[in-house]
Amino acid sequence: MTNHKVVSRGEWLITRRELLRKEKDFTRLRDELNQDRRNLPWRKVDTEYVFDSPNGKETLAELFEGRTQLLVYHFMFDPGWDEGCKSCSFWADNYAGIIVHLNHRDVTMVTISKAPLAKFEAFRKRMGWNFKWVSSFGTAFNRDYHVSFTSEEREKGEVYYNYGTSTFSGSEAPGISGFYKDMDGTIYHTYSCYAAGLHMLNGGLSLA
C-alpha cells in the first residue's frame, strides 16, 4: 500500500466518477439478476425431512413457523468436527442480526448443519448467536442439497457442487437455499446458491 498512486483532488474526482459509472452499471445488472432469480421455476419438495431442534423434532414445514418463505443457511459443521467452519461463522455474524427484519417480511431464516444438535449448540452459545440452528443428522437433507459429501466422493476428488462436478476434498461446503409453502402446505424449492455466490450475504466483504 505504500506505493499506491497519489493524485490531486481533481484527478481523483475524474477517476472516482468513472468508477461510479461502473458501479451504477453493476447495480442495474444486479437488479436484473435479482428479478431473474425471483422468476425461476420452482420444484416441489416430496421428501419429508425431520430435523433435531431445540424444540425437539421438527419437520421442514414446521421450520417455516407460519410464514410462507424459508431461507436455510447450510452451515459447514461435520459430525466429526469440534467447531464450526470459520468462514461460515463470519457469514453467520453478518446475518444473525437481520433475521428479525426478515420475519416482518414473511421470511423465516434458519441455520442447518449435519452435526448433531448438542455439538453445535455449545458452539452457538460460545459465539453469542441466538438464531435458530437445527441438525439434519441422520437425514438426506445435506446430500440432497449438495453441501455434504461421502468419503467415496472425496477419495475420487470429484463432487457435485454449485451445479457442476468439481475437484473437492472436504466433507462439507456452504450454501443457502430458499423454499416456499403455499396455503395447502405444499413446499417448493425455489433457489439454492453456493460458493462465491454467497458473498452477497456478507456485507463485511464489501467493507474490506
N, C-alpha and C. Protein backbone atom coordinates (compact mmCIF):
# COMPACT_ATOMS: atom_id res chain seq x y z
N MET A 1 0.83 -1.21 0.00
CA MET A 1 0.00 0.00 0.00
C MET A 1 0.86 1.27 0.00
N THR A 2 2.10 1.18 0.42
CA THR A 2 2.95 2.38 0.49
C THR A 2 3.28 2.92 -0.89
N ASN A 3 3.18 2.09 -1.94
CA ASN A 3 3.48 2.53 -3.31
C ASN A 3 2.23 2.91 -4.09
N HIS A 4 1.10 3.04 -3.40
CA HIS A 4 -0.16 3.33 -4.09
C HIS A 4 -0.11 4.72 -4.72
N LYS A 5 -0.74 4.86 -5.88
CA LYS A 5 -0.73 6.12 -6.60
C LYS A 5 -1.44 7.22 -5.82
N VAL A 6 -0.83 8.39 -5.74
CA VAL A 6 -1.41 9.56 -5.07
C VAL A 6 -1.56 10.67 -6.11
N VAL A 7 -2.77 11.27 -6.19
CA VAL A 7 -3.05 12.28 -7.22
C VAL A 7 -3.69 13.51 -6.59
N SER A 8 -3.92 14.53 -7.42
CA SER A 8 -4.60 15.74 -6.96
C SER A 8 -6.09 15.46 -6.78
N ARG A 9 -6.79 16.37 -6.10
CA ARG A 9 -8.23 16.19 -5.89
C ARG A 9 -8.97 16.15 -7.22
N GLY A 10 -8.59 16.98 -8.16
CA GLY A 10 -9.26 16.99 -9.46
C GLY A 10 -9.11 15.68 -10.19
N GLU A 11 -7.90 15.12 -10.23
CA GLU A 11 -7.68 13.84 -10.91
C GLU A 11 -8.41 12.72 -10.17
N TRP A 12 -8.43 12.82 -8.84
CA TRP A 12 -9.13 11.79 -8.05
C TRP A 12 -10.62 11.78 -8.39
N LEU A 13 -11.22 12.97 -8.53
CA LEU A 13 -12.65 13.05 -8.85
C LEU A 13 -12.95 12.46 -10.23
N ILE A 14 -12.06 12.66 -11.19
CA ILE A 14 -12.26 12.10 -12.53
C ILE A 14 -12.31 10.57 -12.45
N THR A 15 -11.33 9.98 -11.78
CA THR A 15 -11.29 8.52 -11.70
C THR A 15 -12.43 7.98 -10.83
N ARG A 16 -12.81 8.74 -9.79
CA ARG A 16 -13.91 8.28 -8.94
C ARG A 16 -15.23 8.30 -9.69
N ARG A 17 -15.46 9.30 -10.53
CA ARG A 17 -16.70 9.35 -11.31
C ARG A 17 -16.76 8.23 -12.33
N GLU A 18 -15.63 7.86 -12.88
CA GLU A 18 -15.60 6.73 -13.82
C GLU A 18 -15.95 5.43 -13.09
N LEU A 19 -15.41 5.27 -11.89
CA LEU A 19 -15.76 4.08 -11.10
C LEU A 19 -17.24 4.10 -10.73
N LEU A 20 -17.79 5.28 -10.42
CA LEU A 20 -19.21 5.40 -10.09
C LEU A 20 -20.08 4.95 -11.25
N ARG A 21 -19.67 5.29 -12.47
CA ARG A 21 -20.43 4.85 -13.64
C ARG A 21 -20.48 3.32 -13.70
N LYS A 22 -19.34 2.69 -13.44
CA LYS A 22 -19.29 1.23 -13.45
C LYS A 22 -20.12 0.64 -12.31
N GLU A 23 -20.09 1.31 -11.15
CA GLU A 23 -20.87 0.84 -10.01
C GLU A 23 -22.37 0.90 -10.32
N LYS A 24 -22.80 1.96 -11.01
CA LYS A 24 -24.22 2.07 -11.37
C LYS A 24 -24.61 1.00 -12.39
N ASP A 25 -23.72 0.71 -13.33
CA ASP A 25 -23.97 -0.36 -14.29
C ASP A 25 -24.13 -1.70 -13.57
N PHE A 26 -23.27 -1.91 -12.57
CA PHE A 26 -23.33 -3.15 -11.79
C PHE A 26 -24.64 -3.23 -11.01
N THR A 27 -25.07 -2.11 -10.43
CA THR A 27 -26.33 -2.09 -9.67
C THR A 27 -27.52 -2.43 -10.56
N ARG A 28 -27.54 -1.88 -11.76
CA ARG A 28 -28.64 -2.18 -12.69
C ARG A 28 -28.62 -3.65 -13.08
N LEU A 29 -27.44 -4.19 -13.32
CA LEU A 29 -27.33 -5.60 -13.67
C LEU A 29 -27.75 -6.48 -12.51
N ARG A 30 -27.38 -6.08 -11.30
CA ARG A 30 -27.77 -6.85 -10.12
C ARG A 30 -29.28 -6.84 -9.95
N ASP A 31 -29.92 -5.71 -10.21
CA ASP A 31 -31.38 -5.65 -10.14
C ASP A 31 -32.01 -6.62 -11.15
N GLU A 32 -31.44 -6.70 -12.34
CA GLU A 32 -31.95 -7.64 -13.35
C GLU A 32 -31.76 -9.08 -12.90
N LEU A 33 -30.60 -9.37 -12.31
CA LEU A 33 -30.34 -10.72 -11.83
C LEU A 33 -31.28 -11.09 -10.69
N ASN A 34 -31.56 -10.13 -9.81
CA ASN A 34 -32.48 -10.38 -8.71
C ASN A 34 -33.87 -10.73 -9.24
N GLN A 35 -34.31 -10.02 -10.28
CA GLN A 35 -35.61 -10.32 -10.87
C GLN A 35 -35.60 -11.68 -11.55
N ASP A 36 -34.52 -12.00 -12.24
CA ASP A 36 -34.40 -13.32 -12.87
C ASP A 36 -34.46 -14.42 -11.81
N ARG A 37 -33.84 -14.18 -10.66
CA ARG A 37 -33.88 -15.16 -9.58
C ARG A 37 -35.31 -15.36 -9.09
N ARG A 38 -36.05 -14.28 -8.93
CA ARG A 38 -37.45 -14.38 -8.47
C ARG A 38 -38.31 -15.11 -9.50
N ASN A 39 -37.93 -15.02 -10.76
CA ASN A 39 -38.72 -15.64 -11.83
C ASN A 39 -38.36 -17.10 -12.08
N LEU A 40 -37.39 -17.64 -11.36
CA LEU A 40 -37.01 -19.04 -11.54
C LEU A 40 -38.22 -19.95 -11.31
N PRO A 41 -38.33 -21.04 -12.07
CA PRO A 41 -39.39 -22.02 -11.78
C PRO A 41 -39.10 -22.71 -10.45
N TRP A 42 -40.14 -23.28 -9.84
CA TRP A 42 -39.99 -23.96 -8.56
C TRP A 42 -40.01 -25.47 -8.75
N ARG A 43 -39.50 -26.16 -7.73
CA ARG A 43 -39.50 -27.63 -7.73
C ARG A 43 -40.19 -28.11 -6.45
N LYS A 44 -41.18 -28.98 -6.60
CA LYS A 44 -41.90 -29.49 -5.43
C LYS A 44 -40.99 -30.36 -4.58
N VAL A 45 -41.06 -30.16 -3.26
CA VAL A 45 -40.28 -30.97 -2.32
C VAL A 45 -41.16 -32.13 -1.85
N ASP A 46 -40.78 -33.34 -2.22
CA ASP A 46 -41.57 -34.52 -1.88
C ASP A 46 -41.05 -35.26 -0.65
N THR A 47 -39.82 -34.98 -0.24
CA THR A 47 -39.23 -35.67 0.91
C THR A 47 -39.69 -35.04 2.21
N GLU A 48 -40.03 -35.86 3.18
CA GLU A 48 -40.45 -35.38 4.50
C GLU A 48 -39.23 -35.36 5.41
N TYR A 49 -38.54 -34.24 5.45
CA TYR A 49 -37.35 -34.10 6.29
C TYR A 49 -37.76 -33.80 7.73
N VAL A 50 -37.07 -34.43 8.67
CA VAL A 50 -37.31 -34.18 10.09
C VAL A 50 -35.98 -33.84 10.74
N PHE A 51 -35.93 -32.70 11.42
CA PHE A 51 -34.69 -32.19 12.00
C PHE A 51 -34.75 -32.23 13.52
N ASP A 52 -33.57 -32.26 14.13
CA ASP A 52 -33.45 -32.11 15.58
C ASP A 52 -33.28 -30.63 15.87
N SER A 53 -34.15 -30.08 16.71
CA SER A 53 -34.10 -28.66 17.04
C SER A 53 -34.15 -28.50 18.56
N PRO A 54 -33.87 -27.30 19.05
CA PRO A 54 -34.01 -27.07 20.50
C PRO A 54 -35.42 -27.34 21.01
N ASN A 55 -36.41 -27.35 20.09
CA ASN A 55 -37.80 -27.63 20.47
C ASN A 55 -38.19 -29.09 20.29
N GLY A 56 -37.21 -29.94 19.95
CA GLY A 56 -37.50 -31.34 19.67
C GLY A 56 -37.47 -31.60 18.16
N LYS A 57 -38.15 -32.63 17.72
CA LYS A 57 -38.21 -32.96 16.30
C LYS A 57 -39.10 -31.95 15.56
N GLU A 58 -38.60 -31.43 14.43
CA GLU A 58 -39.38 -30.50 13.62
C GLU A 58 -39.22 -30.86 12.15
N THR A 59 -40.34 -30.84 11.44
CA THR A 59 -40.30 -31.10 10.01
C THR A 59 -39.89 -29.83 9.26
N LEU A 60 -39.57 -29.99 7.98
CA LEU A 60 -39.25 -28.83 7.15
C LEU A 60 -40.42 -27.85 7.16
N ALA A 61 -41.64 -28.36 7.08
CA ALA A 61 -42.83 -27.50 7.09
C ALA A 61 -42.92 -26.69 8.38
N GLU A 62 -42.56 -27.30 9.50
CA GLU A 62 -42.65 -26.60 10.79
C GLU A 62 -41.60 -25.51 10.92
N LEU A 63 -40.48 -25.66 10.20
CA LEU A 63 -39.43 -24.64 10.27
C LEU A 63 -39.90 -23.30 9.72
N PHE A 64 -40.94 -23.29 8.88
CA PHE A 64 -41.47 -22.04 8.34
C PHE A 64 -42.07 -21.15 9.43
N GLU A 65 -42.50 -21.76 10.54
CA GLU A 65 -43.08 -21.03 11.68
C GLU A 65 -44.24 -20.12 11.27
N GLY A 66 -45.09 -20.63 10.37
CA GLY A 66 -46.29 -19.91 9.98
C GLY A 66 -46.11 -18.93 8.84
N ARG A 67 -44.87 -18.76 8.37
CA ARG A 67 -44.62 -17.85 7.24
C ARG A 67 -44.60 -18.64 5.93
N THR A 68 -44.64 -17.93 4.81
CA THR A 68 -44.68 -18.63 3.53
C THR A 68 -43.29 -18.87 2.93
N GLN A 69 -42.28 -18.14 3.41
CA GLN A 69 -40.95 -18.27 2.85
C GLN A 69 -39.95 -18.72 3.91
N LEU A 70 -39.03 -19.58 3.49
CA LEU A 70 -38.00 -20.10 4.38
C LEU A 70 -36.64 -20.00 3.71
N LEU A 71 -35.68 -19.41 4.41
CA LEU A 71 -34.29 -19.38 3.96
C LEU A 71 -33.48 -20.29 4.87
N VAL A 72 -32.66 -21.13 4.27
CA VAL A 72 -31.79 -22.03 5.02
C VAL A 72 -30.34 -21.72 4.69
N TYR A 73 -29.55 -21.39 5.73
CA TYR A 73 -28.11 -21.29 5.53
C TYR A 73 -27.50 -22.65 5.88
N HIS A 74 -26.81 -23.25 4.91
CA HIS A 74 -26.15 -24.53 5.11
C HIS A 74 -24.77 -24.27 5.73
N PHE A 75 -24.72 -24.39 7.05
CA PHE A 75 -23.51 -24.07 7.81
C PHE A 75 -22.62 -25.32 7.86
N MET A 76 -21.38 -25.16 7.47
CA MET A 76 -20.44 -26.29 7.44
C MET A 76 -20.07 -26.71 8.87
N PHE A 77 -20.57 -27.89 9.26
CA PHE A 77 -20.23 -28.44 10.58
C PHE A 77 -20.36 -29.95 10.48
N ASP A 78 -19.27 -30.61 10.15
CA ASP A 78 -19.24 -32.06 10.02
C ASP A 78 -19.44 -32.71 11.40
N PRO A 79 -20.11 -33.87 11.46
CA PRO A 79 -20.30 -34.53 12.75
C PRO A 79 -19.00 -34.83 13.49
N GLY A 80 -17.90 -34.95 12.77
CA GLY A 80 -16.63 -35.24 13.41
C GLY A 80 -15.87 -34.02 13.89
N TRP A 81 -16.38 -32.82 13.61
CA TRP A 81 -15.68 -31.59 13.99
C TRP A 81 -16.10 -31.15 15.40
N ASP A 82 -15.20 -30.42 16.05
CA ASP A 82 -15.50 -29.85 17.36
C ASP A 82 -15.93 -28.39 17.26
N GLU A 83 -15.67 -27.78 16.11
CA GLU A 83 -16.05 -26.39 15.89
C GLU A 83 -16.63 -26.22 14.50
N GLY A 84 -17.44 -25.19 14.31
CA GLY A 84 -17.99 -24.89 13.00
C GLY A 84 -16.96 -24.22 12.11
N CYS A 85 -17.26 -24.19 10.83
CA CYS A 85 -16.38 -23.56 9.84
C CYS A 85 -16.15 -22.09 10.17
N LYS A 86 -14.89 -21.65 10.04
CA LYS A 86 -14.56 -20.25 10.34
C LYS A 86 -15.23 -19.29 9.36
N SER A 87 -15.24 -19.66 8.07
CA SER A 87 -15.86 -18.79 7.07
C SER A 87 -17.37 -18.69 7.31
N CYS A 88 -18.02 -19.83 7.58
CA CYS A 88 -19.45 -19.81 7.86
C CYS A 88 -19.74 -18.98 9.10
N SER A 89 -18.82 -18.98 10.06
CA SER A 89 -19.00 -18.18 11.27
C SER A 89 -18.99 -16.69 10.93
N PHE A 90 -18.11 -16.29 10.01
CA PHE A 90 -18.08 -14.91 9.54
C PHE A 90 -19.40 -14.55 8.88
N TRP A 91 -19.92 -15.44 8.06
CA TRP A 91 -21.21 -15.21 7.41
C TRP A 91 -22.33 -15.12 8.46
N ALA A 92 -22.28 -16.01 9.46
CA ALA A 92 -23.33 -16.01 10.49
C ALA A 92 -23.33 -14.70 11.27
N ASP A 93 -22.15 -14.14 11.53
CA ASP A 93 -22.09 -12.84 12.21
C ASP A 93 -22.79 -11.76 11.39
N ASN A 94 -22.80 -11.92 10.07
CA ASN A 94 -23.42 -10.93 9.19
C ASN A 94 -24.94 -11.09 9.14
N TYR A 95 -25.46 -12.32 9.17
CA TYR A 95 -26.90 -12.48 9.02
C TYR A 95 -27.64 -12.62 10.35
N ALA A 96 -26.92 -12.82 11.45
CA ALA A 96 -27.58 -13.06 12.74
C ALA A 96 -28.54 -11.93 13.13
N GLY A 97 -28.16 -10.69 12.85
CA GLY A 97 -28.97 -9.56 13.29
C GLY A 97 -30.10 -9.15 12.37
N ILE A 98 -30.15 -9.73 11.16
CA ILE A 98 -31.17 -9.29 10.20
C ILE A 98 -32.41 -10.17 10.20
N ILE A 99 -32.36 -11.29 10.92
CA ILE A 99 -33.45 -12.27 10.83
C ILE A 99 -34.77 -11.69 11.31
N VAL A 100 -34.73 -10.87 12.36
CA VAL A 100 -35.96 -10.26 12.85
C VAL A 100 -36.61 -9.40 11.77
N HIS A 101 -35.81 -8.74 10.96
CA HIS A 101 -36.35 -7.91 9.87
C HIS A 101 -36.93 -8.79 8.76
N LEU A 102 -36.30 -9.93 8.48
CA LEU A 102 -36.85 -10.87 7.51
C LEU A 102 -38.20 -11.40 7.99
N ASN A 103 -38.31 -11.67 9.29
CA ASN A 103 -39.57 -12.17 9.84
C ASN A 103 -40.73 -11.24 9.54
N HIS A 104 -40.48 -9.94 9.59
CA HIS A 104 -41.54 -8.96 9.32
C HIS A 104 -41.87 -8.86 7.83
N ARG A 105 -41.11 -9.57 7.02
CA ARG A 105 -41.37 -9.61 5.57
C ARG A 105 -41.77 -11.01 5.12
N ASP A 106 -42.37 -11.76 6.06
CA ASP A 106 -42.91 -13.09 5.76
C ASP A 106 -41.81 -14.09 5.42
N VAL A 107 -40.62 -13.91 5.99
CA VAL A 107 -39.50 -14.82 5.73
C VAL A 107 -38.96 -15.34 7.06
N THR A 108 -38.83 -16.65 7.18
CA THR A 108 -38.15 -17.28 8.30
C THR A 108 -36.77 -17.72 7.82
N MET A 109 -35.75 -17.50 8.64
CA MET A 109 -34.41 -17.95 8.29
C MET A 109 -33.88 -18.85 9.39
N VAL A 110 -33.38 -20.02 9.00
CA VAL A 110 -32.79 -20.95 9.96
C VAL A 110 -31.42 -21.39 9.44
N THR A 111 -30.59 -21.85 10.34
CA THR A 111 -29.30 -22.43 10.00
C THR A 111 -29.40 -23.94 10.19
N ILE A 112 -28.86 -24.70 9.24
CA ILE A 112 -28.91 -26.16 9.32
C ILE A 112 -27.52 -26.73 9.11
N SER A 113 -27.14 -27.66 9.97
CA SER A 113 -25.86 -28.35 9.85
C SER A 113 -26.05 -29.85 10.02
N LYS A 114 -25.08 -30.60 9.53
CA LYS A 114 -25.15 -32.06 9.60
C LYS A 114 -24.76 -32.59 10.97
N ALA A 115 -23.96 -31.83 11.73
CA ALA A 115 -23.51 -32.28 13.04
C ALA A 115 -24.70 -32.45 13.99
N PRO A 116 -24.58 -33.31 14.99
CA PRO A 116 -25.64 -33.45 15.99
C PRO A 116 -25.89 -32.13 16.73
N LEU A 117 -27.11 -31.93 17.16
CA LEU A 117 -27.54 -30.69 17.79
C LEU A 117 -26.66 -30.31 18.98
N ALA A 118 -26.37 -31.25 19.84
CA ALA A 118 -25.62 -30.94 21.06
C ALA A 118 -24.24 -30.39 20.75
N LYS A 119 -23.66 -30.85 19.66
CA LYS A 119 -22.30 -30.42 19.32
C LYS A 119 -22.27 -28.95 18.94
N PHE A 120 -23.21 -28.50 18.11
CA PHE A 120 -23.13 -27.08 17.71
C PHE A 120 -23.91 -26.15 18.63
N GLU A 121 -24.73 -26.68 19.52
CA GLU A 121 -25.39 -25.80 20.48
C GLU A 121 -24.36 -25.13 21.38
N ALA A 122 -23.34 -25.88 21.80
CA ALA A 122 -22.28 -25.30 22.63
C ALA A 122 -21.50 -24.25 21.84
N PHE A 123 -21.26 -24.54 20.57
CA PHE A 123 -20.53 -23.59 19.73
C PHE A 123 -21.35 -22.33 19.50
N ARG A 124 -22.66 -22.49 19.29
CA ARG A 124 -23.54 -21.33 19.08
C ARG A 124 -23.52 -20.40 20.29
N LYS A 125 -23.58 -20.98 21.49
CA LYS A 125 -23.56 -20.17 22.70
C LYS A 125 -22.22 -19.46 22.85
N ARG A 126 -21.14 -20.16 22.52
CA ARG A 126 -19.82 -19.56 22.61
C ARG A 126 -19.68 -18.36 21.69
N MET A 127 -20.31 -18.44 20.51
CA MET A 127 -20.23 -17.36 19.53
C MET A 127 -21.23 -16.23 19.80
N GLY A 128 -22.15 -16.44 20.73
CA GLY A 128 -23.10 -15.40 21.09
C GLY A 128 -24.26 -15.25 20.12
N TRP A 129 -24.55 -16.30 19.34
CA TRP A 129 -25.65 -16.23 18.38
C TRP A 129 -26.95 -16.70 19.03
N ASN A 130 -28.06 -16.11 18.62
CA ASN A 130 -29.37 -16.56 19.13
C ASN A 130 -30.30 -17.00 18.01
N PHE A 131 -29.77 -17.14 16.78
CA PHE A 131 -30.64 -17.60 15.69
C PHE A 131 -30.94 -19.09 15.83
N LYS A 132 -31.99 -19.52 15.16
CA LYS A 132 -32.40 -20.92 15.22
C LYS A 132 -31.44 -21.77 14.38
N TRP A 133 -30.94 -22.83 14.99
CA TRP A 133 -29.96 -23.71 14.35
C TRP A 133 -30.42 -25.14 14.61
N VAL A 134 -30.67 -25.88 13.54
CA VAL A 134 -31.17 -27.25 13.69
C VAL A 134 -30.24 -28.23 12.99
N SER A 135 -30.37 -29.50 13.38
CA SER A 135 -29.48 -30.54 12.88
C SER A 135 -30.20 -31.43 11.86
N SER A 136 -29.50 -31.69 10.75
CA SER A 136 -30.01 -32.62 9.74
C SER A 136 -29.37 -33.99 9.89
N PHE A 137 -28.71 -34.24 11.00
CA PHE A 137 -28.01 -35.51 11.24
C PHE A 137 -28.98 -36.69 11.08
N GLY A 138 -28.56 -37.69 10.31
CA GLY A 138 -29.39 -38.86 10.09
C GLY A 138 -30.41 -38.71 8.97
N THR A 139 -30.42 -37.56 8.30
CA THR A 139 -31.33 -37.33 7.17
C THR A 139 -30.51 -37.18 5.88
N ALA A 140 -31.21 -37.14 4.77
CA ALA A 140 -30.56 -36.96 3.47
C ALA A 140 -30.52 -35.49 3.05
N PHE A 141 -30.93 -34.60 3.95
CA PHE A 141 -31.09 -33.19 3.57
C PHE A 141 -29.81 -32.59 3.00
N ASN A 142 -28.69 -32.73 3.70
CA ASN A 142 -27.44 -32.13 3.22
C ASN A 142 -26.99 -32.73 1.90
N ARG A 143 -27.21 -34.01 1.73
CA ARG A 143 -26.84 -34.67 0.47
C ARG A 143 -27.75 -34.20 -0.65
N ASP A 144 -29.03 -34.08 -0.36
CA ASP A 144 -30.00 -33.68 -1.39
C ASP A 144 -29.76 -32.25 -1.87
N TYR A 145 -29.22 -31.41 -0.99
CA TYR A 145 -28.95 -30.02 -1.38
C TYR A 145 -27.45 -29.77 -1.60
N HIS A 146 -26.71 -30.87 -1.74
CA HIS A 146 -25.33 -30.87 -2.26
C HIS A 146 -24.36 -30.02 -1.45
N VAL A 147 -24.44 -30.18 -0.10
CA VAL A 147 -23.48 -29.48 0.75
C VAL A 147 -22.71 -30.43 1.67
N SER A 148 -22.97 -31.73 1.58
CA SER A 148 -22.18 -32.74 2.29
C SER A 148 -21.81 -33.83 1.31
N PHE A 149 -20.60 -34.40 1.50
CA PHE A 149 -20.07 -35.34 0.51
C PHE A 149 -19.55 -36.61 1.19
N THR A 150 -19.71 -37.72 0.49
CA THR A 150 -19.30 -39.01 1.04
C THR A 150 -17.79 -39.18 0.96
N SER A 151 -17.28 -40.15 1.74
CA SER A 151 -15.85 -40.43 1.70
C SER A 151 -15.44 -40.94 0.32
N GLU A 152 -16.34 -41.68 -0.35
CA GLU A 152 -16.05 -42.18 -1.69
C GLU A 152 -15.86 -41.04 -2.68
N GLU A 153 -16.74 -40.05 -2.60
CA GLU A 153 -16.62 -38.88 -3.47
C GLU A 153 -15.31 -38.13 -3.21
N ARG A 154 -14.97 -38.01 -1.93
CA ARG A 154 -13.76 -37.28 -1.58
C ARG A 154 -12.51 -38.02 -2.02
N GLU A 155 -12.54 -39.33 -1.96
CA GLU A 155 -11.40 -40.11 -2.41
C GLU A 155 -11.18 -39.95 -3.91
N LYS A 156 -12.28 -39.86 -4.64
CA LYS A 156 -12.19 -39.62 -6.09
C LYS A 156 -11.77 -38.19 -6.40
N GLY A 157 -12.03 -37.29 -5.44
CA GLY A 157 -11.68 -35.88 -5.64
C GLY A 157 -12.66 -35.14 -6.52
N GLU A 158 -13.84 -35.75 -6.75
CA GLU A 158 -14.85 -35.10 -7.58
C GLU A 158 -16.21 -35.16 -6.88
N VAL A 159 -16.81 -34.00 -6.68
CA VAL A 159 -18.12 -33.93 -6.06
C VAL A 159 -19.04 -33.05 -6.91
N TYR A 160 -20.35 -33.22 -6.72
CA TYR A 160 -21.31 -32.36 -7.40
C TYR A 160 -21.61 -31.19 -6.48
N TYR A 161 -21.16 -30.01 -6.89
CA TYR A 161 -21.33 -28.80 -6.07
C TYR A 161 -21.45 -27.60 -6.99
N ASN A 162 -22.31 -26.68 -6.61
CA ASN A 162 -22.52 -25.45 -7.40
C ASN A 162 -22.91 -25.78 -8.85
N TYR A 163 -23.78 -26.78 -8.99
CA TYR A 163 -24.39 -27.15 -10.27
C TYR A 163 -23.39 -27.71 -11.29
N GLY A 164 -22.35 -28.33 -10.78
CA GLY A 164 -21.40 -28.98 -11.68
C GLY A 164 -20.45 -29.85 -10.88
N THR A 165 -19.72 -30.71 -11.58
CA THR A 165 -18.74 -31.58 -10.94
C THR A 165 -17.43 -30.82 -10.79
N SER A 166 -16.87 -30.86 -9.59
CA SER A 166 -15.63 -30.14 -9.34
C SER A 166 -14.72 -30.94 -8.43
N THR A 167 -13.47 -30.57 -8.41
CA THR A 167 -12.50 -31.20 -7.52
C THR A 167 -12.67 -30.62 -6.13
N PHE A 168 -12.90 -31.50 -5.16
CA PHE A 168 -13.17 -31.04 -3.80
C PHE A 168 -12.79 -32.15 -2.84
N SER A 169 -12.02 -31.83 -1.83
CA SER A 169 -11.53 -32.86 -0.90
C SER A 169 -12.22 -32.82 0.45
N GLY A 170 -12.98 -31.75 0.74
CA GLY A 170 -13.62 -31.62 2.04
C GLY A 170 -14.93 -32.39 2.14
N SER A 171 -15.40 -32.54 3.37
CA SER A 171 -16.66 -33.26 3.61
C SER A 171 -17.88 -32.35 3.58
N GLU A 172 -17.67 -31.04 3.72
CA GLU A 172 -18.76 -30.08 3.81
C GLU A 172 -18.48 -28.88 2.92
N ALA A 173 -19.54 -28.23 2.45
CA ALA A 173 -19.43 -27.00 1.68
C ALA A 173 -20.60 -26.09 2.06
N PRO A 174 -20.45 -24.77 1.88
CA PRO A 174 -21.51 -23.84 2.28
C PRO A 174 -22.56 -23.63 1.19
N GLY A 175 -23.70 -23.12 1.60
CA GLY A 175 -24.74 -22.79 0.64
C GLY A 175 -25.91 -22.12 1.33
N ILE A 176 -26.85 -21.65 0.53
CA ILE A 176 -28.10 -21.11 1.05
C ILE A 176 -29.22 -21.58 0.12
N SER A 177 -30.35 -21.97 0.70
CA SER A 177 -31.47 -22.47 -0.09
C SER A 177 -32.75 -21.77 0.32
N GLY A 178 -33.63 -21.54 -0.67
CA GLY A 178 -34.91 -20.91 -0.43
C GLY A 178 -36.06 -21.86 -0.68
N PHE A 179 -37.13 -21.72 0.12
CA PHE A 179 -38.31 -22.57 -0.02
C PHE A 179 -39.57 -21.71 0.14
N TYR A 180 -40.66 -22.18 -0.47
CA TYR A 180 -41.95 -21.52 -0.36
C TYR A 180 -43.00 -22.55 0.02
N LYS A 181 -43.91 -22.19 0.92
CA LYS A 181 -45.01 -23.08 1.32
C LYS A 181 -46.33 -22.41 1.00
N ASP A 182 -47.16 -23.07 0.20
CA ASP A 182 -48.43 -22.46 -0.18
C ASP A 182 -49.52 -22.75 0.85
N MET A 183 -50.74 -22.30 0.57
CA MET A 183 -51.83 -22.36 1.54
C MET A 183 -52.19 -23.80 1.91
N ASP A 184 -52.01 -24.76 1.00
CA ASP A 184 -52.37 -26.14 1.31
C ASP A 184 -51.21 -26.92 1.93
N GLY A 185 -50.09 -26.23 2.19
CA GLY A 185 -48.96 -26.87 2.86
C GLY A 185 -47.92 -27.47 1.94
N THR A 186 -48.11 -27.36 0.64
CA THR A 186 -47.13 -27.88 -0.30
C THR A 186 -45.88 -27.01 -0.28
N ILE A 187 -44.71 -27.65 -0.22
CA ILE A 187 -43.44 -26.93 -0.14
C ILE A 187 -42.71 -27.02 -1.47
N TYR A 188 -42.13 -25.91 -1.89
CA TYR A 188 -41.38 -25.85 -3.13
C TYR A 188 -39.96 -25.35 -2.86
N HIS A 189 -39.01 -25.95 -3.52
CA HIS A 189 -37.63 -25.45 -3.50
C HIS A 189 -37.53 -24.38 -4.58
N THR A 190 -37.17 -23.17 -4.19
CA THR A 190 -37.19 -22.04 -5.12
C THR A 190 -35.81 -21.62 -5.60
N TYR A 191 -34.78 -21.90 -4.78
CA TYR A 191 -33.46 -21.36 -5.12
C TYR A 191 -32.40 -21.98 -4.22
N SER A 192 -31.21 -22.19 -4.76
CA SER A 192 -30.04 -22.51 -3.95
C SER A 192 -28.83 -21.83 -4.56
N CYS A 193 -27.92 -21.41 -3.71
CA CYS A 193 -26.73 -20.68 -4.14
C CYS A 193 -25.53 -21.20 -3.35
N TYR A 194 -24.37 -21.25 -4.00
CA TYR A 194 -23.19 -21.83 -3.38
C TYR A 194 -21.94 -21.01 -3.70
N ALA A 195 -20.84 -21.38 -3.04
CA ALA A 195 -19.51 -20.86 -3.33
C ALA A 195 -19.50 -19.32 -3.30
N ALA A 196 -18.88 -18.70 -4.31
CA ALA A 196 -18.74 -17.24 -4.33
C ALA A 196 -20.09 -16.54 -4.44
N GLY A 197 -21.13 -17.26 -4.87
CA GLY A 197 -22.46 -16.66 -4.92
C GLY A 197 -22.98 -16.22 -3.56
N LEU A 198 -22.35 -16.75 -2.49
CA LEU A 198 -22.77 -16.40 -1.14
C LEU A 198 -22.20 -15.05 -0.67
N HIS A 199 -21.29 -14.49 -1.43
CA HIS A 199 -20.63 -13.26 -1.00
C HIS A 199 -21.61 -12.11 -0.77
N MET A 200 -22.71 -12.08 -1.51
CA MET A 200 -23.69 -11.01 -1.34
C MET A 200 -24.34 -11.05 0.03
N LEU A 201 -24.28 -12.22 0.68
CA LEU A 201 -24.88 -12.36 2.01
C LEU A 201 -24.00 -11.72 3.08
N ASN A 202 -22.74 -11.46 2.76
CA ASN A 202 -21.78 -10.99 3.74
C ASN A 202 -21.39 -9.54 3.45
N GLY A 203 -22.05 -8.61 4.14
CA GLY A 203 -21.77 -7.21 3.91
C GLY A 203 -20.37 -6.80 4.30
N GLY A 204 -19.75 -7.54 5.21
CA GLY A 204 -18.41 -7.22 5.65
C GLY A 204 -17.39 -7.30 4.53
N LEU A 205 -17.63 -8.18 3.56
CA LEU A 205 -16.69 -8.31 2.46
C LEU A 205 -16.62 -7.04 1.62
N SER A 206 -17.71 -6.29 1.57
CA SER A 206 -17.73 -5.07 0.78
C SER A 206 -17.01 -3.92 1.46
N LEU A 207 -16.70 -4.07 2.73
CA LEU A 207 -16.07 -3.00 3.50
C LEU A 207 -14.56 -3.18 3.61
N ALA A 208 -14.06 -4.36 3.28
CA ALA A 208 -12.63 -4.63 3.43
C ALA A 208 -11.84 -3.97 2.31
